[in-house]
């Protein structure tokens, strides 16, 4: 998350400029800024949106209807790329907009990191009048002032990149959900032969064997694309409609893309000889993963299963751990695609896979108990099926 000192400094200056609200795409990378906004008591107010593109458009709309600077907030990578269209529209219309982007490493003028990140920053520099980097926390206040002056003096978008770092994971206080490990354990012993499992996050394809000895594929979606598990699952089902497919989707990804793609599933399902496409949604009921005080209300509880039922799909919501196994049985034996919505603990690690590889399509097949090449090794046995997955999970939590 952004350095707390930087986050507080940014919010203090926004407040000094009487910015009434910040439109943001909530992710772990921007959590400190959101916490700083919340600490002001709504001055400025944080307005969470479902997609970064909407944040930029709303900021431009605010500028259009008020004549004052609009502010949008997003993580780096794909989320930052989502800002581009809205910022370009603001540039064309001469609207003052400040885009705040959180990146893991900030260096001027080039951001250290992947080529994809550098491409996004080159694009930001093209659509923004100026792009400033907070390389030293002490300079954050003056850079915010400079950016807002630039946005209003020659009306148009200005970008500011702030650093963020990993923080310790934390679980939700009020209404804590079901342990994700239990959900995965119950799935492990029920995986159908020849099935495909897709998961949100970043990493290589991981192989595993089920009890019958038939291989099942686990595919990790591209880095920085929340919700990618669902379009991957759809592609897998279209390529082999006779194979069972299971998608493991975070609620952040489901809100961004998944709800609309359920329409695609509803339209395509009559052509599938095997109707089994199960979408597991981890409903953390939070707009972004952060530590919530026990007295604070749930911020985002979307009825995913209810939406599925409206489309003629099977939909179930589970909020009690003793019902998880039976829910998997029902989902995997349904006569139509199913959305299995389970109220779970917050996912603070940000992805399913800790390896950080972008080599989608590579595979690792478990053998001789060696789990070094794979964070998820499932062998179908109820006692040991999730050993690799659990090992990865524990490592992820301790690393955070």
Foldseek 3Di string as FASTA:
>chain_A
DFDLLLLLLLLVLCLVLQPQEEEEQFELLCVSNQVNCVVVVPSNHYHHDLALLVRLQVQQVCCVVPVAGGEYEYEAFPRLLSNLVSQLVQAVVLGQYEYEYEDAAWDPPAGPDDPRRRVSSVSVCVSAPEEEECNDSVCSNVVSVVQRCVCNVRPGYYYYYTYGDADAADWEQALAFAAVVLLVLLVLLVPDAQAEEEEEAADEKEWAAAPVRHIYIYFYAAHPQAQRQVVVQVVVCVVPLAHAYEYEHEVSNCSNPVLVCLLVQLVPQVVRPQQHYEYEYACQLASYRDYDDNPDDRNHGDQSQVSNVVSVAHGDEDGDSVCSNVLSVCNRPDPHHYYYYGHHIGDRLRTQDDPRDRPYPDYDYDDPPDLPVDQAYAYNDSVCRGVSVVVSVVVSNVVD
